[in-house]
Amino acid sequence: MSGARREVTRPIASRAWTDTAVVLRAWKLAEKDRILSLLTRGRGKIRAVARGARRPGSRFSGRLEIGSHVQVHLHAGRELATVTQVETIDLLRHTRADARRFAVACAMLEVADLFAHEREADEGLYRVLVGALKELEKRPSPLLLAGFALRVLTVEGLRPEVDACVRCGAEGPLTSLSAELGGAVCERCRMGGRCSPEAIAWIRRILSGGLAEALRLERSDLTDEVHRLAMSLLTHHLERVPRSLEALWLLENGKGTPQLPRDPEGR
């Protein structure tokens, strides 16, 4: 046998691929182009340019608005991919026709954008976002955004502990929810603001597969409380309040300074 080394030829990964995606953000580029932030199912967050997307009569016209669920054909570039073809899956027509519904969609998109990492697959986040946008398109619900936030925290490994007190392990009554401690606190261990055991029970139900039931609830003081608690958990882990949440608050409450979510434990 010859002692010569046998060269192994490794296949070169294709620079063109097809994926499904949700348009998270969009920017103008030059006179006719658009840069997109896409949450793809297979490759995570991808930044891509759509050449001529802002030109009248473009084949991309109306298909690459924020929130659109599409199948895209992409070609990898040094910094940005290039969109070569788009096929519509869902344009969220009912959502876009309603200001509040679209504000909720924008909040979901911003949250997904903040959690997603460039070119790092996160199919769990993709599925949660697509499912929430589909539900929003069918009908609004006062707990849809809260349910979305709680499911995002779960798939990102940040699920709050709401089955027992995070300080002493007591099963109840749980009367506070601490974002900093990562879950519910019983009355004996509570050091800050109080919330209702019913609100924590609904958060537990949502996290345990009862989201469909929660989405059927009409707006009430209880649903408002659950929403506020979920937003406090979300903004704690994001370490910021998304601008879209501020815009949603102003839309629902008029002018004034938004009462931004904070840790109910008072931290």
C-alpha atoms as a PDB file:
ATOM      1  CA  MET A   1       0.000   0.000   0.000  1.00  0.00           C
ATOM      2  CA  SER A   2       1.278   3.453  -0.857  1.00  0.00           C
ATOM      3  CA  GLY A   3       2.159   5.688   2.065  1.00  0.00           C
ATOM      4  CA  ALA A   4       0.777   8.757   0.293  1.00  0.00           C
ATOM      5  CA  ARG A   5      -1.932  10.634   2.219  1.00  0.00           C
ATOM      6  CA  ARG A   6      -5.400  10.491   0.695  1.00  0.00           C
ATOM      7  CA  GLU A   7      -6.973  13.931   0.396  1.00  0.00           C
ATOM      8  CA  VAL A   8     -10.559  14.197   1.610  1.00  0.00           C
ATOM      9  CA  THR A   9     -12.746  16.684  -0.179  1.00  0.00           C
ATOM     10  CA  ARG A  10     -15.302  18.244   2.169  1.00  0.00           C
ATOM     11  CA  PRO A  11     -18.577  19.397   0.618  1.00  0.00           C
ATOM     12  CA  ILE A  12     -19.013  23.138   0.534  1.00  0.00           C
ATOM     13  CA  ALA A  13     -22.200  24.334   2.218  1.00  0.00           C
ATOM     14  CA  SER A  14     -24.600  25.931  -0.205  1.00  0.00           C
ATOM     15  CA  ARG A  15     -24.703  29.700  -0.026  1.00  0.00           C
ATOM     16  CA  ALA A  16     -28.347  29.707  -1.114  1.00  0.00           C
ATOM     17  CA  TRP A  17     -31.153  28.304   1.006  1.00  0.00           C
ATOM     18  CA  THR A  18     -34.903  28.455   1.631  1.00  0.00           C
ATOM     19  CA  ASP A  19     -36.496  28.977   5.025  1.00  0.00           C
ATOM     20  CA  THR A  20     -39.700  30.210   6.641  1.00  0.00           C
ATOM     21  CA  ALA A  21     -39.426  33.468   8.536  1.00  0.00           C
ATOM     22  CA  VAL A  22     -41.210  36.296  10.310  1.00  0.00           C
ATOM     23  CA  VAL A  23     -40.172  39.863   9.471  1.00  0.00           C
ATOM     24  CA  LEU A  24     -39.148  41.410  12.795  1.00  0.00           C
ATOM     25  CA  ARG A  25     -37.894  44.792  11.609  1.00  0.00           C
ATOM     26  CA  ALA A  26     -37.325  46.717   8.390  1.00  0.00           C
ATOM     27  CA  TRP A  27     -35.204  49.729   7.415  1.00  0.00           C
ATOM     28  CA  LYS A  28     -34.917  51.807   4.279  1.00  0.00           C
ATOM     29  CA  LEU A  29     -31.718  51.410   2.295  1.00  0.00           C
ATOM     30  CA  ALA A  30     -30.751  53.859  -0.447  1.00  0.00           C
ATOM     31  CA  GLU A  31     -33.687  54.837  -2.665  1.00  0.00           C
ATOM     32  CA  LYS A  32     -35.344  51.523  -3.474  1.00  0.00           C
ATOM     33  CA  ASP A  33     -34.005  48.790  -1.185  1.00  0.00           C
ATOM     34  CA  ARG A  34     -34.943  47.529   2.264  1.00  0.00           C
ATOM     35  CA  ILE A  35     -32.937  45.831   5.021  1.00  0.00           C
ATOM     36  CA  LEU A  36     -34.806  43.224   7.038  1.00  0.00           C
ATOM     37  CA  SER A  37     -34.351  41.471  10.345  1.00  0.00           C
ATOM     38  CA  LEU A  38     -35.861  37.995   9.892  1.00  0.00           C
ATOM     39  CA  LEU A  39     -36.504  35.359  12.528  1.00  0.00           C
ATOM     40  CA  THR A  40     -36.064  32.177  10.514  1.00  0.00           C
ATOM     41  CA  ARG A  41     -37.054  28.721  11.615  1.00  0.00           C
ATOM     42  CA  GLY A  42     -33.764  27.052  10.763  1.00  0.00           C
ATOM     43  CA  ARG A  43     -31.045  29.672  11.247  1.00  0.00           C
ATOM     44  CA  GLY A  44     -32.314  32.103  13.860  1.00  0.00           C
ATOM     45  CA  LYS A  45     -32.142  35.838  13.264  1.00  0.00           C
ATOM     46  CA  ILE A  46     -30.858  36.804   9.835  1.00  0.00           C
ATOM     47  CA  ARG A  47     -30.279  40.272   8.439  1.00  0.00           C
ATOM     48  CA  ALA A  48     -30.985  40.473   4.732  1.00  0.00           C
ATOM     49  CA  VAL A  49     -31.401  43.029   1.983  1.00  0.00           C
ATOM     50  CA  ALA A  50     -34.337  42.999  -0.429  1.00  0.00           C
ATOM     51  CA  ARG A  51     -33.187  44.791  -3.576  1.00  0.00           C
ATOM     52  CA  GLY A  52     -35.830  47.039  -5.099  1.00  0.00           C
ATOM     53  CA  ALA A  53     -38.386  46.213  -2.390  1.00  0.00           C
ATOM     54  CA  ARG A  54     -39.510  49.858  -2.203  1.00  0.00           C
ATOM     55  CA  ARG A  55     -39.829  50.278  -5.947  1.00  0.00           C
ATOM     56  CA  PRO A  56     -43.432  50.495  -7.258  1.00  0.00           C
ATOM     57  CA  GLY A  57     -44.434  47.181  -8.761  1.00  0.00           C
ATOM     58  CA  SER A  58     -41.623  45.262  -7.077  1.00  0.00           C
ATOM     59  CA  ARG A  59     -42.157  41.502  -6.746  1.00  0.00           C
ATOM     60  CA  PHE A  60     -41.549  42.024  -3.005  1.00  0.00           C
ATOM     61  CA  SER A  61     -44.152  44.773  -2.696  1.00  0.00           C
ATOM     62  CA  GLY A  62     -46.393  44.263   0.354  1.00  0.00           C
ATOM     63  CA  ARG A  63     -44.847  40.900   1.223  1.00  0.00           C
ATOM     64  CA  LEU A  64     -42.028  42.041   3.473  1.00  0.00           C
ATOM     65  CA  GLU A  65     -43.811  44.288   5.954  1.00  0.00           C
ATOM     66  CA  ILE A  66     -43.055  43.758   9.630  1.00  0.00           C
ATOM     67  CA  GLY A  67     -45.016  40.855  11.052  1.00  0.00           C
ATOM     68  CA  SER A  68     -45.384  39.072   7.722  1.00  0.00           C
ATOM     69  CA  HIS A  69     -44.908  35.303   7.820  1.00  0.00           C
ATOM     70  CA  VAL A  70     -43.192  34.235   4.645  1.00  0.00           C
ATOM     71  CA  GLN A  71     -41.129  31.616   2.909  1.00  0.00           C
ATOM     72  CA  VAL A  72     -37.926  33.244   1.711  1.00  0.00           C
ATOM     73  CA  HIS A  73     -35.186  32.216  -0.646  1.00  0.00           C
ATOM     74  CA  LEU A  74     -31.890  33.701   0.529  1.00  0.00           C
ATOM     75  CA  HIS A  75     -28.326  33.941  -0.700  1.00  0.00           C
ATOM     76  CA  ALA A  76     -25.597  34.374   1.895  1.00  0.00           C
ATOM     77  CA  GLY A  77     -23.339  37.423   1.730  1.00  0.00           C
ATOM     78  CA  ARG A  78     -20.384  38.680   3.720  1.00  0.00           C
ATOM     79  CA  GLU A  79     -22.532  40.745   6.112  1.00  0.00           C
ATOM     80  CA  LEU A  80     -26.081  40.602   4.775  1.00  0.00           C
ATOM     81  CA  ALA A  81     -27.964  37.854   3.035  1.00  0.00           C
ATOM     82  CA  THR A  82     -29.926  38.764  -0.098  1.00  0.00           C
ATOM     83  CA  VAL A  83     -33.600  37.961  -0.540  1.00  0.00           C
ATOM     84  CA  THR A  84     -34.084  36.486  -3.997  1.00  0.00           C
ATOM     85  CA  GLN A  85     -37.688  35.276  -3.747  1.00  0.00           C
ATOM     86  CA  VAL A  86     -40.619  35.556  -1.314  1.00  0.00           C
ATOM     87  CA  GLU A  87     -43.795  33.494  -0.973  1.00  0.00           C
ATOM     88  CA  THR A  88     -46.547  34.675   1.377  1.00  0.00           C
ATOM     89  CA  ILE A  89     -47.768  32.489   4.240  1.00  0.00           C
ATOM     90  CA  ASP A  90     -49.663  35.094   6.296  1.00  0.00           C
ATOM     91  CA  LEU A  91     -49.722  38.900   6.012  1.00  0.00           C
ATOM     92  CA  LEU A  92     -51.812  39.487   9.182  1.00  0.00           C
ATOM     93  CA  ARG A  93     -54.436  41.495   7.323  1.00  0.00           C
ATOM     94  CA  HIS A  94     -56.939  41.593  10.220  1.00  0.00           C
ATOM     95  CA  THR A  95     -54.218  42.517  12.691  1.00  0.00           C
ATOM     96  CA  ARG A  96     -52.982  45.403  10.535  1.00  0.00           C
ATOM     97  CA  ALA A  97     -56.514  46.793  10.240  1.00  0.00           C
ATOM     98  CA  ASP A  98     -56.810  47.261  14.010  1.00  0.00           C
ATOM     99  CA  ALA A  99     -54.498  49.733  15.767  1.00  0.00           C
ATOM    100  CA  ARG A 100     -54.440  48.000  19.153  1.00  0.00           C
ATOM    101  CA  ARG A 101     -54.019  44.534  17.667  1.00  0.00           C
ATOM    102  CA  PHE A 102     -51.136  45.743  15.528  1.00  0.00           C
ATOM    103  CA  ALA A 103     -49.542  47.415  18.582  1.00  0.00           C
ATOM    104  CA  VAL A 104     -49.649  44.033  20.351  1.00  0.00           C
ATOM    105  CA  ALA A 105     -48.054  42.403  17.290  1.00  0.00           C
ATOM    106  CA  CYS A 106     -45.282  45.016  17.303  1.00  0.00           C
ATOM    107  CA  ALA A 107     -44.612  44.269  20.982  1.00  0.00           C
ATOM    108  CA  MET A 108     -44.298  40.552  20.191  1.00  0.00           C
ATOM    109  CA  LEU A 109     -41.941  41.253  17.296  1.00  0.00           C
ATOM    110  CA  GLU A 110     -39.714  43.517  19.383  1.00  0.00           C
ATOM    111  CA  VAL A 111     -39.534  40.994  22.224  1.00  0.00           C
ATOM    112  CA  ALA A 112     -38.584  38.225  19.783  1.00  0.00           C
ATOM    113  CA  ASP A 113     -35.973  40.497  18.209  1.00  0.00           C
ATOM    114  CA  LEU A 114     -34.434  41.234  21.618  1.00  0.00           C
ATOM    115  CA  PHE A 115     -34.228  37.558  22.603  1.00  0.00           C
ATOM    116  CA  ALA A 116     -33.067  36.178  19.246  1.00  0.00           C
ATOM    117  CA  HIS A 117     -29.388  35.860  18.412  1.00  0.00           C
ATOM    118  CA  GLU A 118     -27.798  36.448  15.030  1.00  0.00           C
ATOM    119  CA  ARG A 119     -27.508  33.212  13.026  1.00  0.00           C
ATOM    120  CA  GLU A 120     -28.247  31.043  16.051  1.00  0.00           C
ATOM    121  CA  ALA A 121     -31.179  28.705  15.541  1.00  0.00           C
ATOM    122  CA  ASP A 122     -33.992  29.059  18.093  1.00  0.00           C
ATOM    123  CA  GLU A 123     -36.930  27.059  16.773  1.00  0.00           C
ATOM    124  CA  GLY A 124     -38.733  27.327  20.110  1.00  0.00           C
ATOM    125  CA  LEU A 125     -38.815  31.123  19.930  1.00  0.00           C
ATOM    126  CA  TYR A 126     -39.849  30.966  16.272  1.00  0.00           C
ATOM    127  CA  ARG A 127     -42.752  28.618  17.029  1.00  0.00           C
ATOM    128  CA  VAL A 128     -43.980  30.702  19.966  1.00  0.00           C
ATOM    129  CA  LEU A 129     -43.933  33.885  17.872  1.00  0.00           C
ATOM    130  CA  VAL A 130     -45.699  32.309  14.880  1.00  0.00           C
ATOM    131  CA  GLY A 131     -48.341  30.734  17.118  1.00  0.00           C
ATOM    132  CA  ALA A 132     -49.014  33.992  18.970  1.00  0.00           C
ATOM    133  CA  LEU A 133     -49.327  35.997  15.749  1.00  0.00           C
ATOM    134  CA  LYS A 134     -51.753  33.421  14.329  1.00  0.00           C
ATOM    135  CA  GLU A 135     -53.875  33.633  17.475  1.00  0.00           C
ATOM    136  CA  LEU A 136     -53.803  37.439  17.343  1.00  0.00           C
ATOM    137  CA  GLU A 137     -54.951  37.341  13.729  1.00  0.00           C
ATOM    138  CA  LYS A 138     -57.935  35.149  14.678  1.00  0.00           C
ATOM    139  CA  ARG A 139     -59.105  37.194  17.655  1.00  0.00           C
ATOM    140  CA  PRO A 140     -57.651  39.544  20.290  1.00  0.00           C
ATOM    141  CA  SER A 141     -57.432  38.500  23.934  1.00  0.00           C
ATOM    142  CA  PRO A 142     -56.459  40.494  27.036  1.00  0.00           C
ATOM    143  CA  LEU A 143     -54.020  37.723  28.040  1.00  0.00           C
ATOM    144  CA  LEU A 144     -52.431  36.970  24.676  1.00  0.00           C
ATOM    145  CA  LEU A 145     -49.398  39.204  25.213  1.00  0.00           C
ATOM    146  CA  ALA A 146     -48.953  37.885  28.760  1.00  0.00           C
ATOM    147  CA  GLY A 147     -49.199  34.304  27.506  1.00  0.00           C
ATOM    148  CA  PHE A 148     -46.674  35.050  24.763  1.00  0.00           C
ATOM    149  CA  ALA A 149     -44.247  36.577  27.275  1.00  0.00           C
ATOM    150  CA  LEU A 150     -44.509  33.616  29.643  1.00  0.00           C
ATOM    151  CA  ARG A 151     -43.984  31.096  26.829  1.00  0.00           C
ATOM    152  CA  VAL A 152     -40.968  33.024  25.526  1.00  0.00           C
ATOM    153  CA  LEU A 153     -39.416  32.993  28.999  1.00  0.00           C
ATOM    154  CA  THR A 154     -40.050  29.254  29.174  1.00  0.00           C
ATOM    155  CA  VAL A 155     -38.403  28.373  25.834  1.00  0.00           C
ATOM    156  CA  GLU A 156     -35.461  30.630  26.717  1.00  0.00           C
ATOM    157  CA  GLY A 157     -34.904  28.747  29.993  1.00  0.00           C
ATOM    158  CA  LEU A 158     -36.280  31.526  32.213  1.00  0.00           C
ATOM    159  CA  ARG A 159     -39.544  29.966  33.384  1.00  0.00           C
ATOM    160  CA  PRO A 160     -40.662  31.485  36.718  1.00  0.00           C
ATOM    161  CA  GLU A 161     -41.260  29.179  39.679  1.00  0.00           C
ATOM    162  CA  VAL A 162     -44.928  29.496  40.609  1.00  0.00           C
ATOM    163  CA  ASP A 163     -45.694  26.102  42.138  1.00  0.00           C
ATOM    164  CA  ALA A 164     -44.215  26.952  45.539  1.00  0.00           C
ATOM    165  CA  CYS A 165     -42.533  29.804  47.396  1.00  0.00           C
ATOM    166  CA  VAL A 166     -39.044  30.378  45.992  1.00  0.00           C
ATOM    167  CA  ARG A 167     -37.809  31.276  49.478  1.00  0.00           C
ATOM    168  CA  CYS A 168     -39.177  28.595  51.788  1.00  0.00           C
ATOM    169  CA  GLY A 169     -40.828  26.060  49.482  1.00  0.00           C
ATOM    170  CA  ALA A 170     -44.321  26.497  50.942  1.00  0.00           C
ATOM    171  CA  GLU A 171     -47.086  25.706  48.472  1.00  0.00           C
ATOM    172  CA  GLY A 172     -49.208  28.658  49.512  1.00  0.00           C
ATOM    173  CA  PRO A 173     -50.866  30.931  49.736  1.00  0.00           C
ATOM    174  CA  LEU A 174     -48.559  32.654  47.225  1.00  0.00           C
ATOM    175  CA  THR A 175     -49.147  36.394  47.430  1.00  0.00           C
ATOM    176  CA  SER A 176     -46.275  38.019  45.546  1.00  0.00           C
ATOM    177  CA  LEU A 177     -44.230  37.462  42.396  1.00  0.00           C
ATOM    178  CA  SER A 178     -40.583  38.497  42.397  1.00  0.00           C
ATOM    179  CA  ALA A 179     -38.835  38.818  39.050  1.00  0.00           C
ATOM    180  CA  GLU A 180     -35.491  39.095  40.810  1.00  0.00           C
ATOM    181  CA  LEU A 181     -36.012  35.915  42.823  1.00  0.00           C
ATOM    182  CA  GLY A 182     -37.469  34.150  39.802  1.00  0.00           C
ATOM    183  CA  GLY A 183     -40.899  33.244  41.063  1.00  0.00           C
ATOM    184  CA  ALA A 184     -43.711  33.399  43.580  1.00  0.00           C
ATOM    185  CA  VAL A 185     -43.361  34.193  47.281  1.00  0.00           C
ATOM    186  CA  CYS A 186     -45.676  33.198  50.114  1.00  0.00           C
ATOM    187  CA  GLU A 187     -47.305  35.607  52.549  1.00  0.00           C
ATOM    188  CA  ARG A 188     -44.853  34.766  55.327  1.00  0.00           C
ATOM    189  CA  CYS A 189     -41.769  35.433  53.145  1.00  0.00           C
ATOM    190  CA  ARG A 190     -43.178  38.445  51.322  1.00  0.00           C
ATOM    191  CA  MET A 191     -41.182  41.668  51.767  1.00  0.00           C
ATOM    192  CA  GLY A 192     -42.716  43.939  49.151  1.00  0.00           C
ATOM    193  CA  GLY A 193     -45.925  44.551  47.269  1.00  0.00           C
ATOM    194  CA  ARG A 194     -48.739  42.048  47.272  1.00  0.00           C
ATOM    195  CA  CYS A 195     -50.550  40.428  44.351  1.00  0.00           C
ATOM    196  CA  SER A 196     -53.543  38.146  44.353  1.00  0.00           C
ATOM    197  CA  PRO A 197     -53.155  34.363  44.663  1.00  0.00           C
ATOM    198  CA  GLU A 198     -55.686  34.135  41.783  1.00  0.00           C
ATOM    199  CA  ALA A 199     -53.314  35.970  39.432  1.00  0.00           C
ATOM    200  CA  ILE A 200     -50.448  33.655  40.312  1.00  0.00           C
ATOM    201  CA  ALA A 201     -52.778  30.675  39.849  1.00  0.00           C
ATOM    202  CA  TRP A 202     -53.578  31.835  36.297  1.00  0.00           C
ATOM    203  CA  ILE A 203     -49.873  32.274  35.536  1.00  0.00           C
ATOM    204  CA  ARG A 204     -49.326  28.717  36.772  1.00  0.00           C
ATOM    205  CA  ARG A 205     -52.188  27.525  34.569  1.00  0.00           C
ATOM    206  CA  ILE A 206     -50.777  29.285  31.490  1.00  0.00           C
ATOM    207  CA  LEU A 207     -47.335  27.787  32.106  1.00  0.00           C
ATOM    208  CA  SER A 208     -48.870  24.334  32.554  1.00  0.00           C
ATOM    209  CA  GLY A 209     -50.636  24.214  29.198  1.00  0.00           C
ATOM    210  CA  GLY A 210     -53.788  26.177  29.981  1.00  0.00           C
ATOM    211  CA  LEU A 211     -53.153  29.115  27.663  1.00  0.00           C
ATOM    212  CA  ALA A 212     -56.187  28.346  25.468  1.00  0.00           C
ATOM    213  CA  GLU A 213     -58.436  28.605  28.526  1.00  0.00           C
ATOM    214  CA  ALA A 214     -56.793  31.861  29.595  1.00  0.00           C
ATOM    215  CA  LEU A 215     -57.307  33.387  26.167  1.00  0.00           C
ATOM    216  CA  ARG A 216     -61.065  32.969  26.523  1.00  0.00           C
ATOM    217  CA  LEU A 217     -61.231  35.263  29.557  1.00  0.00           C
ATOM    218  CA  GLU A 218     -62.807  38.694  29.168  1.00  0.00           C
ATOM    219  CA  ARG A 219     -60.827  41.708  30.303  1.00  0.00           C
ATOM    220  CA  SER A 220     -61.098  42.323  34.055  1.00  0.00           C
ATOM    221  CA  ASP A 221     -59.010  43.483  37.009  1.00  0.00           C
ATOM    222  CA  LEU A 222     -57.684  39.941  37.223  1.00  0.00           C
ATOM    223  CA  THR A 223     -56.502  39.768  33.595  1.00  0.00           C
ATOM    224  CA  ASP A 224     -54.935  43.228  33.948  1.00  0.00           C
ATOM    225  CA  GLU A 225     -53.028  41.963  36.990  1.00  0.00           C
ATOM    226  CA  VAL A 226     -51.816  38.838  35.215  1.00  0.00           C
ATOM    227  CA  HIS A 227     -50.680  40.999  32.286  1.00  0.00           C
ATOM    228  CA  ARG A 228     -48.799  43.369  34.592  1.00  0.00           C
ATOM    229  CA  LEU A 229     -47.048  40.516  36.408  1.00  0.00           C
ATOM    230  CA  ALA A 230     -46.020  38.842  33.141  1.00  0.00           C
ATOM    231  CA  MET A 231     -44.633  42.131  31.810  1.00  0.00           C
ATOM    232  CA  SER A 232     -42.646  42.663  35.013  1.00  0.00           C
ATOM    233  CA  LEU A 233     -40.999  39.257  34.552  1.00  0.00           C
ATOM    234  CA  LEU A 234     -40.322  39.928  30.886  1.00  0.00           C
ATOM    235  CA  THR A 235     -38.788  43.375  31.324  1.00  0.00           C
ATOM    236  CA  HIS A 236     -36.649  42.164  34.211  1.00  0.00           C
ATOM    237  CA  HIS A 237     -34.977  39.549  32.018  1.00  0.00           C
ATOM    238  CA  LEU A 238     -34.674  41.929  29.073  1.00  0.00           C
ATOM    239  CA  GLU A 239     -33.200  44.567  31.427  1.00  0.00           C
ATOM    240  CA  ARG A 240     -35.231  47.173  29.581  1.00  0.00           C
ATOM    241  CA  VAL A 241     -38.786  48.106  28.678  1.00  0.00           C
ATOM    242  CA  PRO A 242     -39.359  47.600  24.935  1.00  0.00           C
ATOM    243  CA  ARG A 243     -40.512  50.786  23.228  1.00  0.00           C
ATOM    244  CA  SER A 244     -43.465  48.933  21.744  1.00  0.00           C
ATOM    245  CA  LEU A 245     -44.783  48.208  25.257  1.00  0.00           C
ATOM    246  CA  GLU A 246     -44.640  51.923  26.045  1.00  0.00           C
ATOM    247  CA  ALA A 247     -46.473  52.670  22.786  1.00  0.00           C
ATOM    248  CA  LEU A 248     -49.130  50.082  23.630  1.00  0.00           C
ATOM    249  CA  TRP A 249     -49.636  51.612  27.078  1.00  0.00           C
ATOM    250  CA  LEU A 250     -50.051  55.097  25.573  1.00  0.00           C
ATOM    251  CA  LEU A 251     -52.486  53.773  22.974  1.00  0.00           C
ATOM    252  CA  GLU A 252     -54.667  52.218  25.656  1.00  0.00           C
ATOM    253  CA  ASN A 253     -54.383  54.971  28.275  1.00  0.00           C
ATOM    254  CA  GLY A 254     -53.870  58.193  26.352  1.00  0.00           C
ATOM    255  CA  LYS A 255     -51.211  60.805  27.035  1.00  0.00           C
ATOM    256  CA  GLY A 256     -49.056  60.744  30.130  1.00  0.00           C
ATOM    257  CA  THR A 257     -46.093  58.897  31.515  1.00  0.00           C
ATOM    258  CA  PRO A 258     -46.446  55.121  31.144  1.00  0.00           C
ATOM    259  CA  GLN A 259     -46.568  53.200  34.400  1.00  0.00           C
ATOM    260  CA  LEU A 260     -43.836  50.813  33.366  1.00  0.00           C
ATOM    261  CA  PRO A 261     -43.759  47.280  34.768  1.00  0.00           C
ATOM    262  CA  ARG A 262     -41.716  46.820  37.915  1.00  0.00           C
ATOM    263  CA  ASP A 263     -40.907  44.025  40.335  1.00  0.00           C
ATOM    264  CA  PRO A 264     -43.931  43.595  42.647  1.00  0.00           C
ATOM    265  CA  GLU A 265     -41.474  42.890  45.485  1.00  0.00           C
ATOM    266  CA  GLY A 266     -40.480  46.551  45.265  1.00  0.00           C
ATOM    267  CA  ARG A 267     -36.877  46.057  44.113  1.00  0.00           C
END
